[in-house]
Amino acid sequence: MKTMTCKQLGGACDMQFHANTFEELAEQSKKHGMAMIQAGNTDHIEAMKKMQEHMKSPDALAKWFENKKRNLKPYPRINKCARKPLNAPLVIT
């Protein structure tokens, strides 16, 4: 599982998206961005204008996506019950 924020994907806020692939993250971000724009959120509207600049050139857009993919890091999986990483030893008392 991987995670990126709206800002890391060119958006305007710190909302986190979790998915197995970059493409899935990008799709979640797109849906979120469209919802924020429809709601009239000015920060997301400005972020969309900046993204539209990337979309003017297919080469620039491809380069932007590749850069974001390279920066994608695995999301640390947490055992919600114990609040420890899943690979941590289980201690029963």
Protein backbone atom coordinates (compact mmCIF):
# COMPACT_ATOMS: atom_id res chain seq x y z
CA MET A 1 0.00 0.00 0.00
CA LYS A 2 1.27 3.46 -0.89
CA THR A 3 0.21 6.93 0.16
CA MET A 4 0.48 10.47 -1.13
CA THR A 5 -1.23 13.70 -0.16
CA CYS A 6 -3.32 15.97 -2.31
CA LYS A 7 -0.44 18.50 -2.27
CA GLN A 8 2.10 15.89 -3.36
CA LEU A 9 -0.14 15.13 -6.33
CA GLY A 10 -0.44 18.78 -7.35
CA GLY A 11 -3.45 19.65 -5.20
CA ALA A 12 -4.03 22.09 -2.39
CA CYS A 13 -4.54 20.19 0.88
CA ASP A 14 -3.10 17.48 3.09
CA MET A 15 -5.77 14.85 2.45
CA GLN A 16 -4.11 11.45 2.14
CA PHE A 17 -4.82 8.89 -0.56
CA HIS A 18 -3.90 5.22 -0.15
CA ALA A 19 -3.63 2.74 -3.02
CA ASN A 20 -1.51 -0.03 -4.50
CA THR A 21 -0.41 1.93 -7.58
CA PHE A 22 0.38 5.49 -8.53
CA GLU A 23 -2.41 5.39 -11.10
CA GLU A 24 -4.94 4.54 -8.38
CA LEU A 25 -3.63 7.40 -6.23
CA ALA A 26 -3.91 9.80 -9.16
CA GLU A 27 -7.51 8.72 -9.79
CA GLN A 28 -8.45 9.27 -6.13
CA SER A 29 -6.78 12.67 -6.22
CA LYS A 30 -8.62 13.61 -9.40
CA LYS A 31 -12.01 12.71 -7.90
CA HIS A 32 -11.20 14.64 -4.72
CA GLY A 33 -10.00 17.66 -6.71
CA MET A 34 -13.13 17.71 -8.86
CA ALA A 35 -15.34 17.54 -5.75
CA MET A 36 -13.43 20.42 -4.15
CA ILE A 37 -13.68 22.50 -7.32
CA GLN A 38 -17.42 21.85 -7.58
CA ALA A 39 -17.70 22.97 -3.96
CA GLY A 40 -15.97 26.24 -4.91
CA ASN A 41 -12.76 25.69 -2.93
CA THR A 42 -10.48 28.46 -4.20
CA ASP A 43 -7.22 26.73 -3.18
CA HIS A 44 -8.11 23.67 -5.25
CA ILE A 45 -9.26 25.86 -8.15
CA GLU A 46 -5.84 27.54 -8.20
CA ALA A 47 -4.08 24.16 -7.99
CA MET A 48 -6.14 22.95 -10.97
CA LYS A 49 -5.08 25.99 -12.99
CA LYS A 50 -1.43 25.08 -12.32
CA MET A 51 -2.06 21.46 -13.32
CA GLN A 52 -3.66 22.64 -16.56
CA GLU A 53 -0.31 24.23 -17.46
CA HIS A 54 1.27 20.75 -17.31
CA MET A 55 -1.50 19.40 -19.52
CA LYS A 56 -0.72 21.82 -22.34
CA SER A 57 2.31 19.75 -23.31
CA PRO A 58 2.12 15.93 -23.40
CA ASP A 59 5.87 15.76 -22.73
CA ALA A 60 5.64 18.04 -19.71
CA LEU A 61 2.72 16.05 -18.30
CA ALA A 62 4.54 12.73 -18.79
CA LYS A 63 7.66 14.15 -17.12
CA TRP A 64 5.58 15.44 -14.18
CA PHE A 65 3.92 12.02 -13.70
CA GLU A 66 7.27 10.19 -13.85
CA ASN A 67 8.71 12.55 -11.24
CA LYS A 68 5.75 11.91 -8.93
CA LYS A 69 6.04 8.13 -9.41
CA ARG A 70 9.73 8.25 -8.44
CA ASN A 71 8.83 10.04 -5.20
CA LEU A 72 6.19 7.48 -4.25
CA LYS A 73 7.06 5.65 -1.07
CA PRO A 74 5.39 2.67 0.63
CA TYR A 75 2.86 3.58 3.29
CA PRO A 76 3.84 2.04 6.64
CA ARG A 77 1.24 -0.57 7.58
CA ILE A 78 0.14 -0.23 11.18
CA ASN A 79 -1.62 -2.81 13.31
CA LYS A 80 -4.48 -0.61 14.57
CA CYS A 81 -5.07 -2.77 17.66
CA ALA A 82 -1.54 -2.67 19.02
CA ARG A 83 -0.43 0.56 17.28
CA LYS A 84 2.82 -1.19 16.34
CA PRO A 85 4.18 -2.06 12.91
CA LEU A 86 2.93 -5.42 11.70
CA ASN A 87 6.43 -6.88 11.74
CA ALA A 88 6.94 -6.02 15.44
CA PRO A 89 6.90 -8.97 17.84
CA LEU A 90 3.59 -9.51 19.60
CA VAL A 91 3.87 -9.35 23.37
CA ILE A 92 1.10 -10.95 25.41
CA THR A 93 0.96 -10.17 29.09
